[in-house]
N, C-alpha and C. Protein backbone atom coordinates (compact mmCIF):
# COMPACT_ATOMS: atom_id res chain seq x y z
N MET A 1 0.81 -1.19 0.04
CA MET A 1 0.13 -0.04 -0.04
C MET A 1 0.80 1.36 -0.12
N VAL A 2 2.03 1.16 0.85
CA VAL A 2 2.69 2.19 0.94
C VAL A 2 3.45 2.66 -0.52
N VAL A 3 3.85 1.40 -1.14
CA VAL A 3 4.57 1.68 -2.32
C VAL A 3 3.64 2.35 -3.41
N VAL A 4 2.64 1.84 -3.37
CA VAL A 4 1.60 2.36 -4.25
C VAL A 4 1.30 3.94 -4.02
N VAL A 5 1.28 4.42 -2.76
CA VAL A 5 1.09 5.80 -2.80
C VAL A 5 2.20 6.59 -2.94
N LEU A 6 3.59 5.97 -2.73
CA LEU A 6 4.89 6.42 -3.09
C LEU A 6 4.73 6.57 -4.75
N LEU A 7 4.57 5.57 -5.39
CA LEU A 7 4.68 5.79 -6.60
C LEU A 7 3.52 6.73 -7.30
N SER A 8 2.68 6.78 -6.68
CA SER A 8 1.53 7.69 -7.20
C SER A 8 1.99 9.15 -6.83
N ALA A 9 2.37 9.48 -5.74
CA ALA A 9 2.84 10.65 -5.54
C ALA A 9 4.13 11.05 -6.46
N LEU A 10 4.96 10.08 -6.68
CA LEU A 10 5.94 10.38 -7.62
C LEU A 10 5.65 10.88 -9.10
N ALA A 11 4.73 10.07 -9.61
CA ALA A 11 4.13 10.16 -10.80
C ALA A 11 3.44 11.86 -10.84
N CYS A 12 2.60 11.94 -9.90
CA CYS A 12 2.21 13.42 -10.02
C CYS A 12 3.25 14.46 -9.78
N GLY A 13 4.34 14.16 -8.95
CA GLY A 13 5.32 14.97 -8.72
C GLY A 13 5.96 15.24 -10.14
N ILE A 14 6.40 14.37 -10.92
CA ILE A 14 7.12 14.56 -12.29
C ILE A 14 6.27 15.13 -13.18
N ALA A 15 5.01 14.93 -13.27
CA ALA A 15 4.02 15.53 -14.23
C ALA A 15 3.88 17.32 -13.89
N ALA A 16 4.19 17.51 -12.66
CA ALA A 16 3.81 18.82 -12.05
C ALA A 16 5.29 19.64 -12.10
N SER A 17 6.15 18.73 -12.11
CA SER A 17 7.71 19.45 -12.10
C SER A 17 7.92 19.79 -13.58
N ASN A 18 7.24 19.17 -14.48
CA ASN A 18 7.60 19.70 -15.97
C ASN A 18 6.88 21.12 -16.13
N GLU A 19 5.95 21.36 -15.50
CA GLU A 19 5.34 22.66 -15.90
C GLU A 19 5.73 23.85 -14.95
N THR A 20 5.91 23.80 -13.44
CA THR A 20 6.10 25.09 -12.76
C THR A 20 7.35 24.71 -11.73
N LYS A 21 7.17 23.76 -10.84
CA LYS A 21 7.86 23.72 -9.68
C LYS A 21 8.96 22.59 -9.68
N ALA A 22 9.93 22.97 -9.21
CA ALA A 22 11.53 22.08 -9.12
C ALA A 22 11.17 21.22 -7.82
N PRO A 23 11.58 19.85 -8.03
CA PRO A 23 11.64 19.13 -6.77
C PRO A 23 12.75 19.59 -6.04
N ALA A 24 12.74 19.48 -4.83
CA ALA A 24 13.61 20.14 -3.47
C ALA A 24 14.86 19.79 -3.79
N ALA A 25 15.11 18.30 -3.98
CA ALA A 25 16.38 17.91 -4.21
C ALA A 25 17.08 18.51 -5.54
N GLN A 26 16.48 18.69 -6.54
CA GLN A 26 16.77 19.16 -7.80
C GLN A 26 17.39 20.73 -7.41
N ALA A 27 16.48 21.34 -6.59
CA ALA A 27 16.78 22.86 -6.43
C ALA A 27 17.92 23.11 -5.66
N GLU A 28 18.50 21.91 -4.69
CA GLU A 28 19.43 22.12 -4.04
C GLU A 28 21.01 22.04 -4.83
N LYS A 29 20.79 21.44 -5.89
CA LYS A 29 21.99 21.11 -7.03
C LYS A 29 22.03 22.17 -8.22
N ILE A 30 21.20 23.31 -7.90
CA ILE A 30 21.39 24.28 -8.97
C ILE A 30 22.74 24.98 -9.18
N GLN A 31 23.34 24.79 -10.15
CA GLN A 31 24.69 25.62 -10.56
C GLN A 31 24.53 26.73 -11.39
N GLN A 32 23.35 26.79 -12.00
CA GLN A 32 23.04 27.73 -12.87
C GLN A 32 22.46 28.89 -12.21
N LYS A 33 22.97 30.13 -12.51
CA LYS A 33 22.59 31.28 -11.98
C LYS A 33 21.75 32.50 -12.81
N LEU A 34 22.07 32.10 -14.20
CA LEU A 34 21.57 33.23 -14.88
C LEU A 34 20.63 32.55 -15.92
N CYS A 35 19.65 33.45 -16.27
CA CYS A 35 18.59 32.66 -17.37
C CYS A 35 19.46 32.76 -18.66
N PRO A 36 19.36 31.69 -19.65
CA PRO A 36 20.05 31.91 -20.95
C PRO A 36 19.25 32.85 -21.96
N VAL A 37 18.19 33.05 -21.56
CA VAL A 37 17.38 33.93 -22.58
C VAL A 37 17.56 35.17 -22.21
N MET A 38 17.07 35.61 -20.92
CA MET A 38 17.48 37.22 -20.86
C MET A 38 18.67 37.50 -20.09
N GLY A 39 19.41 36.65 -19.58
CA GLY A 39 20.70 36.91 -18.64
C GLY A 39 20.44 37.45 -17.36
N LEU A 40 19.07 37.48 -16.95
CA LEU A 40 18.85 37.69 -15.51
C LEU A 40 18.86 36.51 -14.42
N ASP A 41 18.87 36.87 -13.28
CA ASP A 41 18.86 35.57 -12.22
C ASP A 41 17.66 34.74 -12.40
N ILE A 42 17.84 33.59 -12.08
CA ILE A 42 16.90 32.47 -12.39
C ILE A 42 15.74 32.43 -11.14
N ASP A 43 14.66 31.90 -11.56
CA ASP A 43 13.69 31.72 -10.70
C ASP A 43 13.82 30.06 -10.46
N LYS A 44 14.23 29.63 -9.50
CA LYS A 44 14.13 28.22 -9.35
C LYS A 44 13.09 27.37 -9.51
N ASP A 45 11.93 28.04 -9.57
CA ASP A 45 10.43 27.47 -9.91
C ASP A 45 10.27 27.39 -11.30
N VAL A 46 11.01 28.19 -12.13
CA VAL A 46 10.87 28.36 -13.47
C VAL A 46 11.85 27.73 -14.26
N TYR A 47 11.39 26.55 -15.22
CA TYR A 47 12.39 25.94 -15.80
C TYR A 47 11.91 25.11 -16.94
N VAL A 48 12.58 24.60 -17.84
CA VAL A 48 12.33 23.59 -18.78
C VAL A 48 13.15 22.29 -18.85
N ASP A 49 12.78 21.32 -19.26
CA ASP A 49 13.47 20.14 -19.22
C ASP A 49 13.57 19.79 -20.90
N TYR A 50 15.00 19.85 -21.18
CA TYR A 50 15.41 19.70 -22.72
C TYR A 50 16.36 18.58 -22.94
N LYS A 51 16.25 17.66 -23.75
CA LYS A 51 17.42 16.44 -23.71
C LYS A 51 17.90 16.23 -22.40
N ASP A 52 17.26 15.70 -21.74
CA ASP A 52 17.70 15.29 -20.16
C ASP A 52 18.44 16.54 -19.31
N ARG A 53 18.14 17.64 -19.71
CA ARG A 53 18.74 18.74 -19.07
C ARG A 53 17.63 19.74 -18.55
N ARG A 54 17.89 20.30 -17.26
CA ARG A 54 17.21 21.05 -16.51
C ARG A 54 17.65 22.26 -16.88
N VAL A 55 16.99 23.43 -17.54
CA VAL A 55 17.26 24.65 -17.69
C VAL A 55 16.47 25.55 -16.87
N TYR A 56 16.91 26.30 -16.00
CA TYR A 56 16.31 27.13 -15.30
C TYR A 56 16.06 28.70 -16.26
N LEU A 57 14.91 29.32 -15.88
CA LEU A 57 14.74 30.75 -16.55
C LEU A 57 14.44 31.59 -15.57
N CYS A 58 14.28 32.97 -16.00
CA CYS A 58 14.01 34.02 -14.91
C CYS A 58 12.27 34.08 -15.00
N CYS A 59 11.72 33.82 -15.81
CA CYS A 59 10.35 33.92 -15.84
C CYS A 59 9.67 33.03 -16.75
N ALA A 60 8.16 33.01 -16.57
CA ALA A 60 7.34 32.00 -17.42
C ALA A 60 7.64 32.43 -19.01
N MET A 61 7.62 33.88 -19.26
CA MET A 61 7.85 34.15 -20.58
C MET A 61 8.86 33.62 -21.47
N CYS A 62 10.04 33.28 -20.63
CA CYS A 62 11.08 32.93 -21.22
C CYS A 62 11.00 31.38 -21.93
N ARG A 63 9.97 30.83 -21.52
CA ARG A 63 9.90 29.57 -21.71
C ARG A 63 9.59 29.34 -23.24
N LYS A 64 8.48 30.46 -23.71
CA LYS A 64 8.47 30.33 -25.11
C LYS A 64 9.40 30.65 -26.13
N LYS A 65 10.25 31.57 -25.58
CA LYS A 65 11.32 32.00 -26.40
C LYS A 65 12.46 30.77 -26.44
N PHE A 66 12.57 30.24 -25.37
CA PHE A 66 13.45 28.85 -25.02
C PHE A 66 12.99 27.87 -26.22
N ALA A 67 11.52 27.50 -26.08
CA ALA A 67 11.24 26.75 -27.11
C ALA A 67 11.28 26.87 -28.73
N ALA A 68 11.29 28.27 -29.06
CA ALA A 68 11.56 28.70 -30.31
C ALA A 68 13.04 28.16 -30.64
N ASP A 69 13.91 28.10 -30.00
CA ASP A 69 15.29 27.83 -30.46
C ASP A 69 16.03 27.40 -29.24
N PRO A 70 15.87 26.33 -28.91
CA PRO A 70 16.43 25.69 -27.52
C PRO A 70 18.03 25.57 -27.79
N GLU A 71 18.43 24.88 -29.08
CA GLU A 71 19.86 24.74 -29.08
C GLU A 71 20.50 26.20 -28.95
N LYS A 72 20.09 27.42 -29.44
CA LYS A 72 20.68 28.64 -29.08
C LYS A 72 20.95 28.99 -27.77
N TYR A 73 19.77 28.65 -26.87
CA TYR A 73 19.98 29.06 -25.32
C TYR A 73 20.54 27.89 -24.73
N ILE A 74 20.69 26.68 -25.24
CA ILE A 74 21.67 25.79 -24.32
C ILE A 74 23.23 26.14 -24.78
N ALA A 75 23.32 26.69 -25.81
CA ALA A 75 24.63 27.14 -26.24
C ALA A 75 25.06 28.23 -25.10
N LYS A 76 24.13 29.27 -25.12
CA LYS A 76 24.25 30.40 -24.16
C LYS A 76 24.50 29.83 -22.67
N LEU A 77 23.62 28.98 -22.39
CA LEU A 77 23.64 28.46 -20.91
C LEU A 77 25.11 27.58 -20.76
N ASP A 78 25.77 27.04 -21.73
CA ASP A 78 26.93 26.17 -21.63
C ASP A 78 28.12 27.39 -21.36
N GLN A 79 27.78 28.28 -22.29
CA GLN A 79 29.06 29.67 -22.04
C GLN A 79 28.94 30.13 -20.79
N GLN A 80 27.63 30.18 -20.26
CA GLN A 80 27.40 31.06 -18.97
C GLN A 80 28.05 29.82 -17.99
N LEU A 81 27.85 28.74 -17.75
CA LEU A 81 28.40 27.84 -16.85
C LEU A 81 29.92 27.51 -16.98
N LYS A 82 30.44 27.87 -18.24
CA LYS A 82 31.88 27.69 -18.41
C LYS A 82 32.61 28.82 -17.56
N GLU A 83 31.96 30.33 -18.25
CA GLU A 83 32.60 31.25 -17.49
C GLU A 83 32.56 31.35 -16.05
N ALA A 84 31.56 30.91 -15.42
CA ALA A 84 31.24 30.83 -14.10
C ALA A 84 32.18 29.77 -13.30
N SER A 85 32.77 28.77 -14.05
CA SER A 85 33.45 27.81 -13.53
C SER A 85 35.00 28.32 -13.52
N ASP A 86 35.31 29.05 -14.84
CA ASP A 86 36.50 29.79 -14.88
C ASP A 86 36.76 30.54 -13.85
N LYS A 87 35.86 31.48 -13.60
CA LYS A 87 35.82 32.47 -12.55
C LYS A 87 36.21 31.84 -11.14
N ASP A 88 35.60 30.61 -11.01
CA ASP A 88 35.54 30.03 -9.49
C ASP A 88 36.93 29.06 -9.33
N SER A 89 37.29 28.91 -10.56
CA SER A 89 38.73 28.15 -10.54
C SER A 89 39.74 28.97 -9.85
N PRO A 90 40.68 28.27 -8.93
CA PRO A 90 41.67 28.88 -8.38
C PRO A 90 42.81 29.13 -9.32
N LYS A 91 43.37 30.23 -9.04
CA LYS A 91 44.60 30.40 -9.98
C LYS A 91 45.79 30.67 -9.19
N THR A 92 46.81 29.85 -9.62
CA THR A 92 47.95 29.81 -8.62
C THR A 92 48.70 31.15 -8.72
N GLY A 93 48.82 31.94 -9.89
CA GLY A 93 49.73 33.15 -9.72
C GLY A 93 51.04 32.95 -9.59
N HIS A 94 51.50 31.53 -9.99
CA HIS A 94 52.82 31.13 -9.77
C HIS A 94 53.89 32.32 -10.68
N SER A 95 53.56 32.91 -11.88
CA SER A 95 54.59 33.64 -12.16
C SER A 95 54.78 34.87 -11.49
N LYS A 96 53.80 35.25 -10.76
CA LYS A 96 54.09 36.66 -9.88
C LYS A 96 54.76 36.29 -8.46
N HIS A 97 54.67 34.90 -8.18
CA HIS A 97 55.37 34.43 -7.24
C HIS A 97 57.08 34.67 -7.46
N LYS A 98 57.43 34.28 -8.82
CA LYS A 98 58.77 34.35 -9.35
C LYS A 98 59.36 35.66 -9.13
N ARG A 99 58.54 36.54 -9.65
CA ARG A 99 58.80 37.91 -9.92
C ARG A 99 59.10 38.71 -8.44
N ASP A 100 58.37 38.24 -7.58
CA ASP A 100 58.38 38.98 -6.15
C ASP A 100 59.81 38.48 -5.51
N GLY A 101 60.44 37.56 -6.26
CA GLY A 101 61.52 36.95 -5.42
C GLY A 101 61.31 35.78 -4.41
N HIS A 102 60.09 35.38 -4.25
CA HIS A 102 59.65 34.28 -3.31
C HIS A 102 60.48 32.98 -3.45
N HIS A 103 60.84 32.74 -4.99
CA HIS A 103 61.33 31.56 -5.62
C HIS A 103 62.80 31.81 -6.13
N LYS A 104 63.71 31.65 -5.68
CA LYS A 104 65.10 32.00 -6.29
C LYS A 104 66.00 30.57 -6.86
């Protein structure tokens, strides 16, 4: 009985998640910060699922724009994520170390 209830709840959650709400576990793993359509901060409750990827958007109006040319916006999203990753990567600054006389 419990399994049936859980499966029913899961099925309802999946159907609803495609429309408006992100599951809590999914929301915690969000790395995306900006909407690939408008470039504004995302709303974690507004997203589309495209080719096994969850793409967060800033507003419901961006869903239509995304749907019109998803590959364009996936490319923008990938670029945003790459830039964010590059910004967060630690830099050694080792060449500066040598000039400062730290290494001889």
